[in-house]
């Protein structure tokens, strides 16, 4: 864009007194304080700052067509988010992106009211936003790391559902910190800002219900995805052999942990009462309770079982890698109650082969939704008039299974129940119970005496 073109546009718009344009610009090199200065000025009641800190309208070299191929898709998504932001009330966090046409540039200042000064911040080296030049200058942005990680083989090995969830979570965290943020500038204070915003349910966070309170475990899960991407970047190398990141700037930063996490264990008498009324709700609920309690598996694993996974002759169940969180296939013995319940269900369904054990009511060729199982279990609680703790659902049965097998070697329990590691089993599933604690106190396994 030539200087004459810009001047012509400004004079044309100046004739319409209803429109506002910047009366000053903040210009500076990267990491010289332009962001801080922008934020300080924005707090002044008589100064209006552009809600998009670096729109790059006057930087003709920063356009989608100039981006490297590996950044093109990310840049287009960012452009779409910016367009939606400009069409709306422009509230919440800066979405980033490039303003490439005059009409959109004017929208940046549509909310100007009585402010006496209007400003826009601008960095001299604008190609750092998303261009591969950032790699050459070793100024890697968060948006760049996120996009490259999502395109990596490490990310591709995850199951489709996991990839989708992780991509959404990573987008939430990266958008909060800023896609154009230099990764090296991240610090513990940034993590604490995110934790506070997440706890408060700040509405500008992506896919967050405003005001909704979440537990520390959910917040930590968000940050773990970011840490995973940053750690990956420290192992990845550029085309000239340099590491994408020299180090993870958040290494050693402690993530929030719940002091008293709620991990209830379903009692066996509660299980029996639910089982007694299950047929009143739906036949599949009784089968689900028996299989869940007898195998200890996650709901995502057993609700996707198919009849050719069940070997009645050998008394085993094959747990498929694609439907289990551990990601590897296992063949595990089944108990007699599980075997009998499955045999009765197969006779009733008249189904064999690659058809779901828990077929959906409206389409038996598709697995039943886990949300429908949740709904049925809640109704069973209502019928029995049992008090239901907030988290006393299917996972409490998995904890029941693990806790009732505390006397066996941890490694064997882990393998039989499909846990990924012993630490998770011990920390989150095998819970202390009053009877075992009593035996520990009253019955020592041995006495230590002098020789």
Protein backbone atom coordinates (compact mmCIF):
# COMPACT_ATOMS: atom_id res chain seq x y z
CA UNK A 1 0.00 0.00 0.00
CA UNK A 2 1.49 3.34 -1.06
CA UNK A 3 1.64 6.45 1.08
CA UNK A 4 -0.62 8.26 -1.38
CA UNK A 5 -3.30 5.58 -1.11
CA UNK A 6 -3.30 5.77 2.69
CA UNK A 7 -3.53 9.58 2.68
CA UNK A 8 -6.39 9.48 0.18
CA UNK A 9 -8.32 7.02 2.34
CA UNK A 10 -7.80 9.09 5.48
CA UNK A 11 -8.94 12.31 3.78
CA UNK A 12 -12.00 10.54 2.36
CA UNK A 13 -13.08 9.20 5.73
CA UNK A 14 -12.27 12.47 7.50
CA UNK A 15 -15.13 14.05 5.61
CA UNK A 16 -17.55 11.85 7.62
CA UNK A 17 -17.46 13.25 11.15
CA UNK A 18 -19.27 10.16 12.51
CA UNK A 19 -16.15 8.02 12.03
CA UNK A 20 -13.05 8.01 14.25
CA UNK A 21 -9.45 7.27 13.35
CA UNK A 22 -6.25 6.95 15.38
CA UNK A 23 -4.69 10.22 16.50
CA UNK A 24 -1.42 8.49 17.45
CA UNK A 25 0.50 5.24 16.91
CA UNK A 26 2.81 3.28 19.19
CA UNK A 27 5.77 2.12 17.13
CA UNK A 28 8.56 -0.04 18.49
CA UNK A 29 10.73 -3.07 17.91
CA UNK A 30 9.71 -6.45 19.37
CA UNK A 31 10.13 -6.85 23.14
CA UNK A 32 10.58 -3.13 23.75
CA UNK A 33 7.42 -2.64 25.81
CA UNK A 34 4.79 -1.82 23.17
CA UNK A 35 2.32 -4.29 24.70
CA UNK A 36 2.74 -2.89 28.20
CA UNK A 37 2.46 0.69 26.98
CA UNK A 38 -0.67 -0.25 25.02
CA UNK A 39 -2.23 -1.78 28.14
CA UNK A 40 -1.30 1.19 30.36
CA UNK A 41 -2.81 3.70 27.95
CA UNK A 42 -5.94 1.59 27.53
CA UNK A 43 -6.67 2.04 31.24
CA UNK A 44 -6.97 5.82 30.87
CA UNK A 45 -10.63 6.96 30.64
CA UNK A 46 -9.87 9.55 27.95
CA UNK A 47 -7.85 7.25 25.69
CA UNK A 48 -9.33 4.68 23.32
CA UNK A 49 -6.92 1.93 22.20
CA UNK A 50 -7.63 -0.39 19.30
CA UNK A 51 -9.05 -3.67 20.73
CA UNK A 52 -6.75 -5.50 18.30
CA UNK A 53 -3.29 -4.44 19.39
CA UNK A 54 -1.52 -5.04 16.06
CA UNK A 55 -4.01 -5.02 13.17
CA UNK A 56 -1.15 -4.62 10.63
CA UNK A 57 -3.37 -2.76 8.18
CA UNK A 58 -0.55 -0.49 7.06
CA UNK A 59 1.91 -3.40 6.82
CA UNK A 60 1.27 -4.59 3.28
CA UNK A 61 3.92 -7.32 3.56
CA UNK A 62 1.88 -9.05 6.27
CA UNK A 63 -0.89 -10.71 4.27
CA UNK A 64 -2.22 -14.27 4.07
CA UNK A 65 -0.74 -14.83 0.62
CA UNK A 66 2.76 -14.13 1.98
CA UNK A 67 2.66 -16.81 4.68
CA UNK A 68 4.56 -20.08 4.47
CA UNK A 69 2.48 -23.16 3.65
CA UNK A 70 2.82 -24.58 7.16
CA UNK A 71 1.20 -21.45 8.64
CA UNK A 72 -1.47 -20.79 6.02
CA UNK A 73 -4.29 -22.83 7.58
CA UNK A 74 -3.66 -21.34 11.03
CA UNK A 75 -3.61 -17.83 9.58
CA UNK A 76 -6.94 -18.35 7.80
CA UNK A 77 -8.61 -19.62 10.98
CA UNK A 78 -7.23 -16.61 12.82
CA UNK A 79 -8.61 -14.35 10.08
CA UNK A 80 -12.07 -15.92 10.46
CA UNK A 81 -12.02 -15.39 14.25
CA UNK A 82 -11.02 -11.76 13.71
CA UNK A 83 -13.87 -11.21 11.23
CA UNK A 84 -16.43 -12.58 13.73
CA UNK A 85 -14.88 -10.39 16.46
CA UNK A 86 -15.16 -7.22 14.35
CA UNK A 87 -18.76 -7.99 13.41
CA UNK A 88 -19.69 -8.32 17.08
CA UNK A 89 -19.34 -6.08 20.11
CA UNK A 90 -15.53 -6.59 20.24
CA UNK A 91 -15.56 -7.67 23.87
CA UNK A 92 -13.13 -10.08 25.50
CA UNK A 93 -9.53 -10.94 24.66
CA UNK A 94 -7.72 -9.71 21.56
CA UNK A 95 -8.24 -12.49 18.96
CA UNK A 96 -5.15 -11.46 17.00
CA UNK A 97 -5.09 -11.57 13.22
CA UNK A 98 -4.57 -9.25 10.27
CA UNK A 99 -6.91 -6.44 9.22
CA UNK A 100 -6.38 -6.21 5.48
CA UNK A 101 -9.27 -4.04 4.26
CA UNK A 102 -10.30 -0.48 5.08
CA UNK A 103 -13.86 -1.29 6.15
CA UNK A 104 -12.62 -3.72 8.79
CA UNK A 105 -9.99 -1.23 9.94
CA UNK A 106 -12.70 1.35 10.61
CA UNK A 107 -14.65 -1.18 12.69
CA UNK A 108 -11.77 -1.26 15.18
CA UNK A 109 -12.82 2.23 16.27
CA UNK A 110 -16.61 1.93 16.12
CA UNK A 111 -16.82 1.85 19.93
CA UNK A 112 -15.11 5.24 20.37
CA UNK A 113 -17.27 7.43 22.58
CA UNK A 114 -15.96 10.53 24.37
CA UNK A 115 -12.27 9.61 24.37
CA UNK A 116 -9.99 12.45 23.32
CA UNK A 117 -7.14 10.30 22.01
CA UNK A 118 -7.31 7.19 19.82
CA UNK A 119 -4.33 4.92 19.46
CA UNK A 120 -2.95 1.78 17.87
CA UNK A 121 0.19 -0.16 18.76
CA UNK A 122 2.48 -1.33 16.00
CA UNK A 123 5.67 -3.37 15.89
CA UNK A 124 8.32 -2.78 13.27
CA UNK A 125 9.03 -6.45 12.58
CA UNK A 126 5.48 -7.61 11.77
CA UNK A 127 6.49 -10.80 9.97
CA UNK A 128 7.06 -12.33 13.39
CA UNK A 129 3.29 -12.86 13.68
CA UNK A 130 3.14 -16.05 11.66
CA UNK A 131 5.78 -16.06 8.93
CA UNK A 132 8.53 -18.65 8.75
CA UNK A 133 10.90 -15.72 9.21
CA UNK A 134 10.15 -16.14 12.91
CA UNK A 135 11.97 -19.45 12.82
CA UNK A 136 15.03 -17.88 11.23
CA UNK A 137 15.08 -15.17 13.87
CA UNK A 138 14.43 -17.72 16.66
CA UNK A 139 11.32 -15.84 17.84
CA UNK A 140 8.78 -18.63 18.04
CA UNK A 141 5.19 -17.65 18.80
CA UNK A 142 2.62 -19.64 20.74
CA UNK A 143 0.37 -19.87 17.70
CA UNK A 144 3.23 -21.30 15.69
CA UNK A 145 4.04 -23.96 18.29
CA UNK A 146 0.38 -24.93 18.61
CA UNK A 147 -0.10 -25.33 14.86
CA UNK A 148 3.12 -27.27 14.31
CA UNK A 149 2.36 -29.56 17.25
CA UNK A 150 -1.12 -30.34 15.87
CA UNK A 151 0.51 -31.29 12.55
CA UNK A 152 3.16 -33.49 14.19
CA UNK A 153 3.28 -37.31 14.18
CA UNK A 154 3.17 -37.21 18.00
CA UNK A 155 -0.25 -35.54 17.86
CA UNK A 156 -1.44 -37.78 15.00
CA UNK A 157 -0.90 -40.93 17.09
CA UNK A 158 -3.65 -39.85 19.49
CA UNK A 159 -7.17 -41.18 19.02
CA UNK A 160 -9.49 -38.91 16.97
CA UNK A 161 -11.64 -37.97 19.95
CA UNK A 162 -8.54 -37.12 22.00
CA UNK A 163 -7.06 -35.04 19.17
CA UNK A 164 -10.28 -33.06 18.87
CA UNK A 165 -10.49 -32.39 22.61
CA UNK A 166 -6.79 -31.51 22.91
CA UNK A 167 -6.96 -29.15 19.93
CA UNK A 168 -9.86 -27.26 21.50
CA UNK A 169 -8.13 -27.04 24.86
CA UNK A 170 -4.86 -25.87 23.31
CA UNK A 171 -6.76 -23.22 21.36
CA UNK A 172 -8.32 -21.92 24.59
CA UNK A 173 -4.96 -21.57 26.36
CA UNK A 174 -3.08 -20.13 23.38
CA UNK A 175 -5.82 -17.58 22.67
CA UNK A 176 -5.72 -16.45 26.30
CA UNK A 177 -1.96 -15.83 26.23
CA UNK A 178 -2.02 -14.50 22.67
CA UNK A 179 -1.19 -16.36 19.46
CA UNK A 180 1.52 -13.83 18.57
CA UNK A 181 3.09 -14.10 22.03
CA UNK A 182 6.79 -14.98 21.96
CA UNK A 183 7.04 -18.32 23.75
CA UNK A 184 10.23 -17.33 25.55
CA UNK A 185 8.38 -14.56 27.41
CA UNK A 186 5.96 -16.94 29.16
CA UNK A 187 6.35 -17.06 32.94
CA UNK A 188 4.77 -18.40 36.12
CA UNK A 189 2.76 -15.17 36.40
CA UNK A 190 1.06 -15.98 33.10
CA UNK A 191 0.08 -19.41 34.40
CA UNK A 192 -1.35 -17.81 37.55
CA UNK A 193 -3.36 -15.35 35.44
CA UNK A 194 -4.86 -18.21 33.47
CA UNK A 195 -5.65 -20.18 36.63
CA UNK A 196 -7.43 -17.17 38.13
CA UNK A 197 -9.40 -16.49 34.94
CA UNK A 198 -10.43 -20.14 34.66
CA UNK A 199 -11.52 -20.29 38.29
CA UNK A 200 -13.64 -17.19 37.83
CA UNK A 201 -15.16 -18.43 34.59
CA UNK A 202 -14.07 -15.37 32.60
CA UNK A 203 -16.36 -15.15 29.60
CA UNK A 204 -13.62 -14.26 27.11
CA UNK A 205 -12.10 -17.74 27.46
CA UNK A 206 -12.97 -19.96 24.52
CA UNK A 207 -15.70 -22.55 25.14
CA UNK A 208 -16.10 -21.51 28.77
CA UNK A 209 -19.51 -20.79 30.24
CA UNK A 210 -19.27 -17.34 31.87
CA UNK A 211 -19.17 -17.59 35.65
CA UNK A 212 -18.96 -21.38 35.70
CA UNK A 213 -16.69 -22.61 38.51
CA UNK A 214 -14.34 -25.48 37.64
CA UNK A 215 -12.11 -27.63 39.78
CA UNK A 216 -8.32 -27.34 39.82
CA UNK A 217 -8.10 -30.68 38.05
CA UNK A 218 -9.85 -29.22 34.98
CA UNK A 219 -7.56 -26.16 35.02
CA UNK A 220 -4.47 -28.34 35.30
CA UNK A 221 -5.68 -30.44 32.36
CA UNK A 222 -5.83 -27.30 30.19
CA UNK A 223 -2.28 -26.35 31.10
CA UNK A 224 -0.95 -29.89 30.68
CA UNK A 225 -1.84 -29.73 26.96
CA UNK A 226 0.19 -26.51 26.65
CA UNK A 227 3.11 -28.06 28.55
CA UNK A 228 2.99 -31.10 26.26
CA UNK A 229 3.19 -28.89 23.16
CA UNK A 230 6.08 -26.87 24.62
CA UNK A 231 7.99 -29.99 25.64
CA UNK A 232 7.47 -31.38 22.14
CA UNK A 233 8.90 -28.17 20.67
CA UNK A 234 12.09 -28.56 22.72
CA UNK A 235 12.70 -31.92 20.99
CA UNK A 236 11.70 -30.80 17.49
CA UNK A 237 14.30 -29.38 15.10
CA UNK A 238 14.01 -26.85 12.28
CA UNK A 239 15.22 -27.50 8.75
CA UNK A 240 18.70 -26.17 9.62
CA UNK A 241 19.03 -28.46 12.66
CA UNK A 242 18.23 -25.98 15.43
CA UNK A 243 15.76 -26.87 18.16
CA UNK A 244 12.39 -25.21 17.68
CA UNK A 245 12.60 -24.17 21.36
CA UNK A 246 15.80 -24.13 23.39
CA UNK A 247 13.84 -24.87 26.55
CA UNK A 248 10.34 -24.94 27.95
CA UNK A 249 9.93 -21.53 29.65
CA UNK A 250 7.34 -23.04 32.02
CA UNK A 251 9.52 -25.94 33.13
CA UNK A 252 9.24 -26.35 36.88
CA UNK A 253 6.10 -24.22 37.18
CA UNK A 254 3.64 -25.95 39.51
CA UNK A 255 0.18 -26.55 38.16
CA UNK A 256 -2.88 -26.33 40.45
CA UNK A 257 -3.75 -29.52 42.34
CA UNK A 258 -6.84 -30.31 44.32
CA UNK A 259 -6.18 -30.71 48.02
CA UNK A 260 -9.23 -32.90 48.59
CA UNK A 261 -10.31 -34.31 45.23
CA UNK A 262 -13.70 -36.01 45.15
CA UNK A 263 -13.15 -39.65 44.24
CA UNK A 264 -16.10 -41.56 45.66
CA UNK A 265 -16.25 -45.35 45.64
CA UNK A 266 -19.61 -47.03 45.05
CA UNK A 267 -20.47 -49.37 47.93
CA UNK A 268 -21.44 -52.93 47.05
CA UNK A 269 -24.87 -52.68 48.70
CA UNK A 270 -25.57 -49.55 46.65
CA UNK A 271 -24.56 -51.45 43.51
CA UNK A 272 -26.95 -54.30 44.38
CA UNK A 273 -29.87 -51.91 44.94
CA UNK A 274 -29.23 -50.20 41.61
CA UNK A 275 -28.98 -53.58 39.92
CA UNK A 276 -32.33 -54.63 41.40
CA UNK A 277 -34.20 -51.77 39.72
CA UNK A 278 -32.18 -51.58 36.49
CA UNK A 279 -34.68 -53.57 34.41
CA UNK A 280 -37.35 -51.02 35.28
CA UNK A 281 -35.27 -48.35 33.55
CA UNK A 282 -33.89 -50.24 30.53
CA UNK A 283 -32.59 -53.81 29.93
CA UNK A 284 -29.22 -52.45 28.81
CA UNK A 285 -28.70 -50.71 32.16
CA UNK A 286 -28.63 -54.01 34.06
CA UNK A 287 -26.13 -55.47 31.60
CA UNK A 288 -24.04 -52.28 31.81
CA UNK A 289 -23.91 -52.41 35.62
CA UNK A 290 -22.85 -56.07 35.62
CA UNK A 291 -20.14 -55.54 32.97
CA UNK A 292 -18.84 -52.32 34.57
CA UNK A 293 -18.70 -53.85 38.06
CA UNK A 294 -17.24 -57.16 36.85
CA UNK A 295 -14.53 -55.78 34.56
CA UNK A 296 -13.64 -52.44 36.17
CA UNK A 297 -13.28 -50.90 32.73
CA UNK A 298 -13.99 -47.33 31.66
CA UNK A 299 -17.39 -46.57 30.20
CA UNK A 300 -15.73 -45.67 26.88
CA UNK A 301 -14.35 -49.22 26.69
CA UNK A 302 -17.33 -51.36 27.67
CA UNK A 303 -20.03 -49.33 25.92
CA UNK A 304 -18.13 -49.88 22.63
CA UNK A 305 -17.82 -53.65 23.06
CA UNK A 306 -18.77 -55.78 20.06
CA UNK A 307 -19.89 -59.37 20.09
CA UNK A 308 -16.78 -60.63 18.32
CA UNK A 309 -14.75 -59.19 21.23
CA UNK A 310 -16.41 -61.69 23.59
CA UNK A 311 -14.95 -65.22 23.54
CA UNK A 312 -17.44 -67.40 25.44
CA UNK A 313 -15.46 -70.58 24.82
CA UNK A 314 -12.29 -69.28 26.48
CA UNK A 315 -14.09 -66.96 28.88
CA UNK A 316 -12.25 -63.79 27.79
CA UNK A 317 -12.97 -60.28 26.53
CA UNK A 318 -10.84 -58.42 24.01
CA UNK A 319 -10.51 -54.73 24.84
CA UNK A 320 -9.72 -52.85 21.65
CA UNK A 321 -6.97 -50.24 21.53
CA UNK A 322 -9.12 -47.73 19.64
CA UNK A 323 -11.82 -47.64 22.31
CA UNK A 324 -9.64 -47.78 25.43
CA UNK A 325 -7.74 -44.86 26.94
CA UNK A 326 -4.53 -46.87 27.35
CA UNK A 327 -4.32 -47.25 23.58
CA UNK A 328 -3.25 -50.90 23.52
CA UNK A 329 -5.24 -54.08 22.98
CA UNK A 330 -5.76 -56.57 25.80
CA UNK A 331 -7.43 -59.94 26.22
CA UNK A 332 -8.60 -60.40 29.82
CA UNK A 333 -10.61 -63.17 31.55
CA UNK A 334 -14.21 -62.39 32.49
CA UNK A 335 -16.06 -63.36 35.65
CA UNK A 336 -18.94 -65.83 35.64
CA UNK A 337 -21.59 -63.14 36.34
CA UNK A 338 -20.29 -61.11 33.38
CA UNK A 339 -20.20 -64.20 31.14
CA UNK A 340 -23.74 -65.23 32.11
CA UNK A 341 -25.13 -61.71 31.61
CA UNK A 342 -23.50 -61.37 28.18
CA UNK A 343 -24.71 -64.82 27.11
CA UNK A 344 -28.29 -63.96 28.10
CA UNK A 345 -28.05 -60.62 26.24
CA UNK A 346 -26.78 -62.28 23.08
CA UNK A 347 -29.65 -64.77 23.12
CA UNK A 348 -32.13 -61.93 23.60
CA UNK A 349 -30.61 -59.80 20.87
CA UNK A 350 -29.94 -62.64 18.44
CA UNK A 351 -26.79 -60.77 17.43
CA UNK A 352 -23.32 -62.03 16.54
CA UNK A 353 -20.18 -60.78 14.84
CA UNK A 354 -19.17 -57.16 14.54
CA UNK A 355 -22.31 -55.68 16.08
CA UNK A 356 -22.39 -53.64 19.32
CA UNK A 357 -23.12 -55.42 22.59
CA UNK A 358 -24.77 -52.21 23.78
CA UNK A 359 -26.64 -51.21 20.63
CA UNK A 360 -28.39 -47.86 20.60
CA UNK A 361 -32.18 -48.09 21.11
CA UNK A 362 -32.90 -46.32 17.81
CA UNK A 363 -30.12 -47.97 15.79
CA UNK A 364 -28.73 -51.27 17.08
CA UNK A 365 -25.85 -51.06 14.60
CA UNK A 366 -24.37 -48.13 16.54
CA UNK A 367 -23.08 -48.17 20.15
CA UNK A 368 -25.33 -46.64 22.77
CA UNK A 369 -24.36 -43.13 23.85
CA UNK A 370 -22.61 -42.77 27.19
CA UNK A 371 -24.90 -39.85 27.92
CA UNK A 372 -27.89 -42.19 27.68
CA UNK A 373 -26.21 -44.55 30.17
CA UNK A 374 -25.68 -41.57 32.49
CA UNK A 375 -29.36 -40.68 32.21
CA UNK A 376 -30.45 -44.24 32.98
CA UNK A 377 -28.18 -44.44 36.01
CA UNK A 378 -29.56 -41.19 37.40
CA UNK A 379 -33.09 -42.52 37.01
CA UNK A 380 -32.10 -45.70 38.86
CA UNK A 381 -30.90 -43.58 41.76
CA UNK A 382 -34.25 -41.80 41.78
CA UNK A 383 -36.20 -45.08 41.81
CA UNK A 384 -34.17 -46.48 44.71
CA UNK A 385 -34.35 -43.11 46.51
CA UNK A 386 -30.66 -43.46 47.27
CA UNK A 387 -28.78 -40.21 47.89
CA UNK A 388 -26.39 -39.66 44.99
CA UNK A 389 -23.19 -37.73 45.48
CA UNK A 390 -22.37 -35.43 42.62
CA UNK A 391 -19.61 -37.65 41.27
CA UNK A 392 -21.13 -41.06 42.14
CA UNK A 393 -21.55 -42.26 38.57
CA UNK A 394 -19.84 -44.88 36.40
CA UNK A 395 -16.31 -44.01 37.46
CA UNK A 396 -17.21 -44.76 41.08
CA UNK A 397 -17.79 -48.37 39.98
CA UNK A 398 -14.29 -48.45 38.48
CA UNK A 399 -12.90 -47.24 41.82
CA UNK A 400 -14.97 -49.92 43.58
CA UNK A 401 -13.37 -52.58 41.39
CA UNK A 402 -9.85 -51.29 42.07
CA UNK A 403 -10.36 -50.79 45.82
CA UNK A 404 -11.78 -54.30 46.28
CA UNK A 405 -8.57 -55.72 44.80
CA UNK A 406 -6.03 -53.92 46.98
CA UNK A 407 -4.64 -57.22 48.25
CA UNK A 408 -3.24 -58.17 44.83
CA UNK A 409 0.05 -56.96 43.31
CA UNK A 410 -0.49 -53.47 41.90
CA UNK A 411 1.02 -54.41 38.55
CA UNK A 412 -1.50 -57.21 38.05
CA UNK A 413 -4.47 -55.04 39.06
CA UNK A 414 -3.26 -52.36 36.65
CA UNK A 415 -3.06 -54.85 33.79
CA UNK A 416 -6.42 -56.50 34.51
CA UNK A 417 -8.29 -53.19 34.79
CA UNK A 418 -6.61 -51.35 31.92
CA UNK A 419 -4.68 -48.64 33.75
CA UNK A 420 -1.80 -46.94 32.00
CA UNK A 421 0.51 -46.82 35.01
CA UNK A 422 0.66 -47.85 38.65
CA UNK A 423 0.81 -44.27 39.93
CA UNK A 424 -2.62 -43.40 38.53
CA UNK A 425 -4.13 -46.58 39.97
CA UNK A 426 -2.75 -45.91 43.45
CA UNK A 427 -3.41 -42.16 43.53
CA UNK A 428 -6.83 -41.92 41.92
CA UNK A 429 -8.56 -45.28 42.12
CA UNK A 430 -7.55 -47.50 45.01
CA UNK A 431 -9.11 -45.63 47.92
CA UNK A 432 -8.69 -46.28 51.67
CA UNK A 433 -11.61 -48.07 53.32
CA UNK A 434 -12.51 -48.34 57.00
CA UNK A 435 -12.21 -52.15 57.24
CA UNK A 436 -8.74 -52.27 55.69
CA UNK A 437 -7.53 -49.38 57.84
CA UNK A 438 -8.81 -51.22 60.92
CA UNK A 439 -6.93 -54.41 59.94
CA UNK A 440 -3.74 -52.42 59.38
CA UNK A 441 -3.99 -50.94 62.88
CA UNK A 442 -4.99 -54.13 64.72
CA UNK A 443 -3.08 -56.79 62.80
CA UNK A 444 0.56 -56.02 61.99
CA UNK A 445 2.05 -58.39 59.43
CA UNK A 446 5.17 -58.95 61.55
CA UNK A 447 6.98 -57.88 64.72
CA UNK A 448 10.46 -56.37 64.60
CA UNK A 449 12.61 -57.75 67.42
CA UNK A 450 16.28 -57.56 68.35
CA UNK A 451 18.57 -60.34 67.18
